[in-house]
Amino acid sequence: MSSRKIRAALKKKGIEAEVHWEYMSDCYGGGGAYFIDIDVDVENKLLDSDPDCEPQLQCGYAETLDEALEFIDELPSLK
């Protein structure tokens, strides 16, 4: 359900991306994370729109839904 919310937030900004949740091993603290895979072409469009968004794009994952939505909120819109 949360992956759908993340996809919907991306879609509102015109950003195509794959979203999936993966379990993290105990060596990474256990639990899991949402991985947001943005295509290289889309990343380039985002960087052309706002070069300052590069640090957000380098992360690529969020441990909570709120963290993922905050990440998306910081990205520029491609619409």
PDB file of N, CA and C in Angstrom:
ATOM      1  N   MET A   1       0.820  -1.188   0.000  1.00  0.00           N
ATOM      2  CA  MET A   1       0.000   0.000   0.000  1.00  0.00           C
ATOM      3  C   MET A   1       0.869   1.258   0.000  1.00  0.00           C
ATOM      4  N   SER A   2       1.899   1.299   0.789  1.00  0.00           N
ATOM      5  CA  SER A   2       2.760   2.477   0.863  1.00  0.00           C
ATOM      6  C   SER A   2       3.508   2.711  -0.441  1.00  0.00           C
ATOM      7  N   SER A   3       3.880   1.626  -1.130  1.00  0.00           N
ATOM      8  CA  SER A   3       4.545   1.777  -2.422  1.00  0.00           C
ATOM      9  C   SER A   3       3.627   2.493  -3.400  1.00  0.00           C
ATOM     10  N   ARG A   4       2.330   2.225  -3.317  1.00  0.00           N
ATOM     11  CA  ARG A   4       1.362   2.916  -4.182  1.00  0.00           C
ATOM     12  C   ARG A   4       1.332   4.409  -3.887  1.00  0.00           C
ATOM     13  N   LYS A   5       1.388   4.772  -2.622  1.00  0.00           N
ATOM     14  CA  LYS A   5       1.392   6.191  -2.248  1.00  0.00           C
ATOM     15  C   LYS A   5       2.643   6.878  -2.796  1.00  0.00           C
ATOM     16  N   ILE A   6       3.751   6.187  -2.747  1.00  0.00           N
ATOM     17  CA  ILE A   6       5.001   6.743  -3.263  1.00  0.00           C
ATOM     18  C   ILE A   6       4.897   6.916  -4.774  1.00  0.00           C
ATOM     19  N   ARG A   7       4.401   5.898  -5.478  1.00  0.00           N
ATOM     20  CA  ARG A   7       4.226   5.992  -6.932  1.00  0.00           C
ATOM     21  C   ARG A   7       3.280   7.132  -7.300  1.00  0.00           C
ATOM     22  N   ALA A   8       2.198   7.293  -6.530  1.00  0.00           N
ATOM     23  CA  ALA A   8       1.226   8.363  -6.794  1.00  0.00           C
ATOM     24  C   ALA A   8       1.875   9.736  -6.622  1.00  0.00           C
ATOM     25  N   ALA A   9       2.698   9.896  -5.596  1.00  0.00           N
ATOM     26  CA  ALA A   9       3.388  11.173  -5.371  1.00  0.00           C
ATOM     27  C   ALA A   9       4.358  11.470  -6.512  1.00  0.00           C
ATOM     28  N   LEU A  10       5.051  10.440  -6.993  1.00  0.00           N
ATOM     29  CA  LEU A  10       5.959  10.613  -8.126  1.00  0.00           C
ATOM     30  C   LEU A  10       5.178  10.991  -9.381  1.00  0.00           C
ATOM     31  N   LYS A  11       4.064  10.311  -9.604  1.00  0.00           N
ATOM     32  CA  LYS A  11       3.244  10.562 -10.793  1.00  0.00           C
ATOM     33  C   LYS A  11       2.721  11.998 -10.807  1.00  0.00           C
ATOM     34  N   LYS A  12       2.332  12.520  -9.636  1.00  0.00           N
ATOM     35  CA  LYS A  12       1.850  13.906  -9.547  1.00  0.00           C
ATOM     36  C   LYS A  12       2.905  14.900 -10.019  1.00  0.00           C
ATOM     37  N   LYS A  13       4.166  14.524  -9.866  1.00  0.00           N
ATOM     38  CA  LYS A  13       5.261  15.399 -10.295  1.00  0.00           C
ATOM     39  C   LYS A  13       5.750  15.059 -11.699  1.00  0.00           C
ATOM     40  N   GLY A  14       5.139  14.057 -12.332  1.00  0.00           N
ATOM     41  CA  GLY A  14       5.542  13.674 -13.676  1.00  0.00           C
ATOM     42  C   GLY A  14       6.834  12.883 -13.718  1.00  0.00           C
ATOM     43  N   ILE A  15       7.169  12.219 -12.619  1.00  0.00           N
ATOM     44  CA  ILE A  15       8.417  11.462 -12.510  1.00  0.00           C
ATOM     45  C   ILE A  15       8.105   9.969 -12.588  1.00  0.00           C
ATOM     46  N   GLU A  16       8.659   9.324 -13.605  1.00  0.00           N
ATOM     47  CA  GLU A  16       8.490   7.875 -13.737  1.00  0.00           C
ATOM     48  C   GLU A  16       9.604   7.180 -12.961  1.00  0.00           C
ATOM     49  N   ALA A  17       9.216   6.204 -12.139  1.00  0.00           N
ATOM     50  CA  ALA A  17      10.205   5.469 -11.350  1.00  0.00           C
ATOM     51  C   ALA A  17       9.618   4.141 -10.897  1.00  0.00           C
ATOM     52  N   GLU A  18      10.492   3.197 -10.644  1.00  0.00           N
ATOM     53  CA  GLU A  18      10.108   1.920 -10.059  1.00  0.00           C
ATOM     54  C   GLU A  18      10.255   2.047  -8.545  1.00  0.00           C
ATOM     55  N   VAL A  19       9.281   1.528  -7.825  1.00  0.00           N
ATOM     56  CA  VAL A  19       9.319   1.588  -6.364  1.00  0.00           C
ATOM     57  C   VAL A  19       9.119   0.181  -5.820  1.00  0.00           C
ATOM     58  N   HIS A  20       9.983  -0.230  -4.928  1.00  0.00           N
ATOM     59  CA  HIS A  20       9.807  -1.530  -4.286  1.00  0.00           C
ATOM     60  C   HIS A  20      10.380  -1.487  -2.872  1.00  0.00           C
ATOM     61  N   TRP A  21       9.881  -2.391  -2.042  1.00  0.00           N
ATOM     62  CA  TRP A  21      10.326  -2.505  -0.659  1.00  0.00           C
ATOM     63  C   TRP A  21      11.209  -3.727  -0.565  1.00  0.00           C
ATOM     64  N   GLU A  22      12.325  -3.603   0.140  1.00  0.00           N
ATOM     65  CA  GLU A  22      13.229  -4.737   0.344  1.00  0.00           C
ATOM     66  C   GLU A  22      13.585  -4.853   1.814  1.00  0.00           C
ATOM     67  N   TYR A  23      13.661  -6.085   2.267  1.00  0.00           N
ATOM     68  CA  TYR A  23      14.130  -6.363   3.624  1.00  0.00           C
ATOM     69  C   TYR A  23      15.622  -6.072   3.681  1.00  0.00           C
ATOM     70  N   MET A  24      16.055  -5.433   4.745  1.00  0.00           N
ATOM     71  CA  MET A  24      17.477  -5.150   4.940  1.00  0.00           C
ATOM     72  C   MET A  24      18.018  -6.150   5.966  1.00  0.00           C
ATOM     73  N   SER A  25      19.186  -6.675   5.702  1.00  0.00           N
ATOM     74  CA  SER A  25      19.769  -7.644   6.627  1.00  0.00           C
ATOM     75  C   SER A  25      20.138  -6.967   7.943  1.00  0.00           C
ATOM     76  N   ASP A  26      20.385  -7.773   8.937  1.00  0.00           N
ATOM     77  CA  ASP A  26      20.733  -7.260  10.262  1.00  0.00           C
ATOM     78  C   ASP A  26      21.992  -6.396  10.247  1.00  0.00           C
ATOM     79  N   CYS A  27      22.889  -6.649   9.294  1.00  0.00           N
ATOM     80  CA  CYS A  27      24.115  -5.844   9.243  1.00  0.00           C
ATOM     81  C   CYS A  27      23.812  -4.400   8.834  1.00  0.00           C
ATOM     82  N   TYR A  28      22.617  -4.168   8.259  1.00  0.00           N
ATOM     83  CA  TYR A  28      22.183  -2.805   7.921  1.00  0.00           C
ATOM     84  C   TYR A  28      21.160  -2.293   8.926  1.00  0.00           C
ATOM     85  N   GLY A  29      21.015  -2.967  10.035  1.00  0.00           N
ATOM     86  CA  GLY A  29      20.093  -2.525  11.067  1.00  0.00           C
ATOM     87  C   GLY A  29      18.749  -3.214  11.033  1.00  0.00           C
ATOM     88  N   GLY A  30      18.575  -4.189  10.148  1.00  0.00           N
ATOM     89  CA  GLY A  30      17.305  -4.908  10.065  1.00  0.00           C
ATOM     90  C   GLY A  30      16.209  -4.051   9.466  1.00  0.00           C
ATOM     91  N   GLY A  31      14.982  -4.540   9.503  1.00  0.00           N
ATOM     92  CA  GLY A  31      13.863  -3.791   8.933  1.00  0.00           C
ATOM     93  C   GLY A  31      13.886  -3.828   7.424  1.00  0.00           C
ATOM     94  N   GLY A  32      13.468  -2.753   6.808  1.00  0.00           N
ATOM     95  CA  GLY A  32      13.430  -2.692   5.362  1.00  0.00           C
ATOM     96  C   GLY A  32      13.496  -1.260   4.881  1.00  0.00           C
ATOM     97  N   ALA A  33      13.432  -1.114   3.565  1.00  0.00           N
ATOM     98  CA  ALA A  33      13.503   0.219   2.975  1.00  0.00           C
ATOM     99  C   ALA A  33      12.759   0.228   1.653  1.00  0.00           C
ATOM    100  N   TYR A  34      12.232   1.395   1.311  1.00  0.00           N
ATOM    101  CA  TYR A  34      11.622   1.614   0.004  1.00  0.00           C
ATOM    102  C   TYR A  34      12.723   2.089  -0.932  1.00  0.00           C
ATOM    103  N   PHE A  35      12.893   1.377  -2.046  1.00  0.00           N
ATOM    104  CA  PHE A  35      13.876   1.777  -3.042  1.00  0.00           C
ATOM    105  C   PHE A  35      13.149   2.450  -4.193  1.00  0.00           C
ATOM    106  N   ILE A  36      13.635   3.618  -4.576  1.00  0.00           N
ATOM    107  CA  ILE A  36      13.031   4.401  -5.644  1.00  0.00           C
ATOM    108  C   ILE A  36      14.052   4.462  -6.775  1.00  0.00           C
ATOM    109  N   ASP A  37      13.793   3.684  -7.828  1.00  0.00           N
ATOM    110  CA  ASP A  37      14.714   3.597  -8.957  1.00  0.00           C
ATOM    111  C   ASP A  37      14.240   4.518 -10.071  1.00  0.00           C
ATOM    112  N   ILE A  38      14.943   5.628 -10.228  1.00  0.00           N
ATOM    113  CA  ILE A  38      14.612   6.601 -11.259  1.00  0.00           C
ATOM    114  C   ILE A  38      15.535   6.360 -12.445  1.00  0.00           C
ATOM    115  N   ASP A  39      14.945   6.246 -13.630  1.00  0.00           N
ATOM    116  CA  ASP A  39      15.680   6.020 -14.869  1.00  0.00           C
ATOM    117  C   ASP A  39      16.706   7.144 -15.081  1.00  0.00           C
ATOM    118  N   VAL A  40      17.819   6.823 -15.713  1.00  0.00           N
ATOM    119  CA  VAL A  40      18.888   7.796 -15.943  1.00  0.00           C
ATOM    120  C   VAL A  40      18.386   8.986 -16.761  1.00  0.00           C
ATOM    121  N   ASP A  41      17.572   8.737 -17.785  1.00  0.00           N
ATOM    122  CA  ASP A  41      17.042   9.838 -18.596  1.00  0.00           C
ATOM    123  C   ASP A  41      16.179  10.773 -17.755  1.00  0.00           C
ATOM    124  N   VAL A  42      15.375  10.202 -16.869  1.00  0.00           N
ATOM    125  CA  VAL A  42      14.529  11.010 -15.988  1.00  0.00           C
ATOM    126  C   VAL A  42      15.408  11.776 -14.993  1.00  0.00           C
ATOM    127  N   GLU A  43      16.439  11.117 -14.473  1.00  0.00           N
ATOM    128  CA  GLU A  43      17.376  11.803 -13.570  1.00  0.00           C
ATOM    129  C   GLU A  43      17.995  13.010 -14.260  1.00  0.00           C
ATOM    130  N   ASN A  44      18.392  12.834 -15.526  1.00  0.00           N
ATOM    131  CA  ASN A  44      18.996  13.939 -16.268  1.00  0.00           C
ATOM    132  C   ASN A  44      18.012  15.093 -16.441  1.00  0.00           C
ATOM    133  N   LYS A  45      16.743  14.776 -16.696  1.00  0.00           N
ATOM    134  CA  LYS A  45      15.718  15.824 -16.814  1.00  0.00           C
ATOM    135  C   LYS A  45      15.550  16.561 -15.487  1.00  0.00           C
ATOM    136  N   LEU A  46      15.563  15.807 -14.389  1.00  0.00           N
ATOM    137  CA  LEU A  46      15.455  16.430 -13.069  1.00  0.00           C
ATOM    138  C   LEU A  46      16.641  17.352 -12.800  1.00  0.00           C
ATOM    139  N   LEU A  47      17.835  16.893 -13.160  1.00  0.00           N
ATOM    140  CA  LEU A  47      19.035  17.702 -12.944  1.00  0.00           C
ATOM    141  C   LEU A  47      19.048  18.933 -13.844  1.00  0.00           C
ATOM    142  N   ASP A  48      18.538  18.794 -15.081  1.00  0.00           N
ATOM    143  CA  ASP A  48      18.429  19.956 -15.964  1.00  0.00           C
ATOM    144  C   ASP A  48      17.468  20.982 -15.372  1.00  0.00           C
ATOM    145  N   SER A  49      16.402  20.486 -14.762  1.00  0.00           N
ATOM    146  CA  SER A  49      15.391  21.355 -14.162  1.00  0.00           C
ATOM    147  C   SER A  49      15.903  22.022 -12.883  1.00  0.00           C
ATOM    148  N   ASP A  50      16.652  21.257 -12.087  1.00  0.00           N
ATOM    149  CA  ASP A  50      17.163  21.771 -10.808  1.00  0.00           C
ATOM    150  C   ASP A  50      18.469  21.056 -10.453  1.00  0.00           C
ATOM    151  N   PRO A  51      19.611  21.641 -10.820  1.00  0.00           N
ATOM    152  CA  PRO A  51      20.901  20.997 -10.531  1.00  0.00           C
ATOM    153  C   PRO A  51      21.136  20.733  -9.040  1.00  0.00           C
ATOM    154  N   ASP A  52      20.462  21.473  -8.171  1.00  0.00           N
ATOM    155  CA  ASP A  52      20.648  21.295  -6.725  1.00  0.00           C
ATOM    156  C   ASP A  52      19.997  20.028  -6.174  1.00  0.00           C
ATOM    157  N   CYS A  53      19.229  19.302  -6.999  1.00  0.00           N
ATOM    158  CA  CYS A  53      18.556  18.094  -6.495  1.00  0.00           C
ATOM    159  C   CYS A  53      19.454  16.860  -6.564  1.00  0.00           C
ATOM    160  N   GLU A  54      20.691  17.013  -7.023  1.00  0.00           N
ATOM    161  CA  GLU A  54      21.592  15.863  -7.150  1.00  0.00           C
ATOM    162  C   GLU A  54      21.776  15.071  -5.855  1.00  0.00           C
ATOM    163  N   PRO A  55      21.957  15.712  -4.689  1.00  0.00           N
ATOM    164  CA  PRO A  55      22.116  14.911  -3.458  1.00  0.00           C
ATOM    165  C   PRO A  55      20.915  14.002  -3.167  1.00  0.00           C
ATOM    166  N   GLN A  56      19.699  14.465  -3.444  1.00  0.00           N
ATOM    167  CA  GLN A  56      18.520  13.636  -3.215  1.00  0.00           C
ATOM    168  C   GLN A  56      18.535  12.419  -4.139  1.00  0.00           C
ATOM    169  N   LEU A  57      18.943  12.622  -5.383  1.00  0.00           N
ATOM    170  CA  LEU A  57      18.946  11.529  -6.351  1.00  0.00           C
ATOM    171  C   LEU A  57      19.981  10.471  -6.010  1.00  0.00           C
ATOM    172  N   GLN A  58      21.057  10.846  -5.353  1.00  0.00           N
ATOM    173  CA  GLN A  58      22.108   9.889  -5.025  1.00  0.00           C
ATOM    174  C   GLN A  58      21.686   8.908  -3.945  1.00  0.00           C
ATOM    175  N   CYS A  59      20.743   9.275  -3.118  1.00  0.00           N
ATOM    176  CA  CYS A  59      20.317   8.409  -2.017  1.00  0.00           C
ATOM    177  C   CYS A  59      19.551   7.197  -2.547  1.00  0.00           C
ATOM    178  N   GLY A  60      18.391   7.412  -3.161  1.00  0.00           N
ATOM    179  CA  GLY A  60      17.651   6.338  -3.815  1.00  0.00           C
ATOM    180  C   GLY A  60      16.816   5.422  -2.939  1.00  0.00           C
ATOM    181  N   TYR A  61      16.838   5.609  -1.627  1.00  0.00           N
ATOM    182  CA  TYR A  61      15.998   4.766  -0.778  1.00  0.00           C
ATOM    183  C   TYR A  61      15.531   5.551   0.441  1.00  0.00           C
ATOM    184  N   ALA A  62      14.465   5.050   1.044  1.00  0.00           N
ATOM    185  CA  ALA A  62      13.921   5.670   2.255  1.00  0.00           C
ATOM    186  C   ALA A  62      13.484   4.566   3.200  1.00  0.00           C
ATOM    187  N   GLU A  63      13.710   4.751   4.480  1.00  0.00           N
ATOM    188  CA  GLU A  63      13.362   3.725   5.460  1.00  0.00           C
ATOM    189  C   GLU A  63      11.908   3.784   5.894  1.00  0.00           C
ATOM    190  N   THR A  64      11.240   4.927   5.679  1.00  0.00           N
ATOM    191  CA  THR A  64       9.830   5.059   6.062  1.00  0.00           C
ATOM    192  C   THR A  64       9.052   5.722   4.935  1.00  0.00           C
ATOM    193  N   LEU A  65       7.741   5.593   4.980  1.00  0.00           N
ATOM    194  CA  LEU A  65       6.880   6.245   3.998  1.00  0.00           C
ATOM    195  C   LEU A  65       7.052   7.760   4.071  1.00  0.00           C
ATOM    196  N   ASP A  66       7.068   8.312   5.277  1.00  0.00           N
ATOM    197  CA  ASP A  66       7.226   9.761   5.433  1.00  0.00           C
ATOM    198  C   ASP A  66       8.544  10.250   4.838  1.00  0.00           C
ATOM    199  N   GLU A  67       9.594   9.485   5.041  1.00  0.00           N
ATOM    200  CA  GLU A  67      10.903   9.842   4.493  1.00  0.00           C
ATOM    201  C   GLU A  67      10.859   9.821   2.964  1.00  0.00           C
ATOM    202  N   ALA A  68      10.186   8.832   2.388  1.00  0.00           N
ATOM    203  CA  ALA A  68      10.065   8.731   0.931  1.00  0.00           C
ATOM    204  C   ALA A  68       9.279   9.912   0.371  1.00  0.00           C
ATOM    205  N   LEU A  69       8.177  10.268   1.025  1.00  0.00           N
ATOM    206  CA  LEU A  69       7.360  11.386   0.551  1.00  0.00           C
ATOM    207  C   LEU A  69       8.111  12.711   0.682  1.00  0.00           C
ATOM    208  N   GLU A  70       8.908  12.843   1.726  1.00  0.00           N
ATOM    209  CA  GLU A  70       9.731  14.049   1.893  1.00  0.00           C
ATOM    210  C   GLU A  70      10.773  14.129   0.780  1.00  0.00           C
ATOM    211  N   PHE A  71      11.392  12.995   0.449  1.00  0.00           N
ATOM    212  CA  PHE A  71      12.365  12.908  -0.643  1.00  0.00           C
ATOM    213  C   PHE A  71      11.726  13.376  -1.949  1.00  0.00           C
ATOM    214  N   ILE A  72      10.529  12.875  -2.235  1.00  0.00           N
ATOM    215  CA  ILE A  72       9.829  13.223  -3.472  1.00  0.00           C
ATOM    216  C   ILE A  72       9.451  14.701  -3.475  1.00  0.00           C
ATOM    217  N   ASP A  73       9.025  15.207  -2.331  1.00  0.00           N
ATOM    218  CA  ASP A  73       8.628  16.611  -2.220  1.00  0.00           C
ATOM    219  C   ASP A  73       9.786  17.549  -2.561  1.00  0.00           C
ATOM    220  N   GLU A  74      11.006  17.120  -2.299  1.00  0.00           N
ATOM    221  CA  GLU A  74      12.188  17.944  -2.567  1.00  0.00           C
ATOM    222  C   GLU A  74      12.603  17.925  -4.034  1.00  0.00           C
ATOM    223  N   LEU A  75      12.053  16.997  -4.820  1.00  0.00           N
ATOM    224  CA  LEU A  75      12.400  16.919  -6.237  1.00  0.00           C
ATOM    225  C   LEU A  75      11.586  17.923  -7.044  1.00  0.00           C
ATOM    226  N   PRO A  76      12.166  18.436  -8.141  1.00  0.00           N
ATOM    227  CA  PRO A  76      11.402  19.346  -8.992  1.00  0.00           C
ATOM    228  C   PRO A  76      10.325  18.585  -9.768  1.00  0.00           C
ATOM    229  N   SER A  77       9.303  19.303 -10.187  1.00  0.00           N
ATOM    230  CA  SER A  77       8.239  18.699 -10.991  1.00  0.00           C
ATOM    231  C   SER A  77       8.662  18.682 -12.454  1.00  0.00           C
ATOM    232  N   LEU A  78       8.332  17.615 -13.161  1.00  0.00           N
ATOM    233  CA  LEU A  78       8.616  17.532 -14.591  1.00  0.00           C
ATOM    234  C   LEU A  78       7.365  17.796 -15.427  1.00  0.00           C
ATOM    235  N   LYS A  79       6.298  18.217 -14.782  1.00  0.00           N
ATOM    236  CA  LYS A  79       5.057  18.508 -15.519  1.00  0.00           C
ATOM    237  C   LYS A  79       5.084  19.903 -16.063  1.00  0.00           C
TER     238      LYS A  79
END
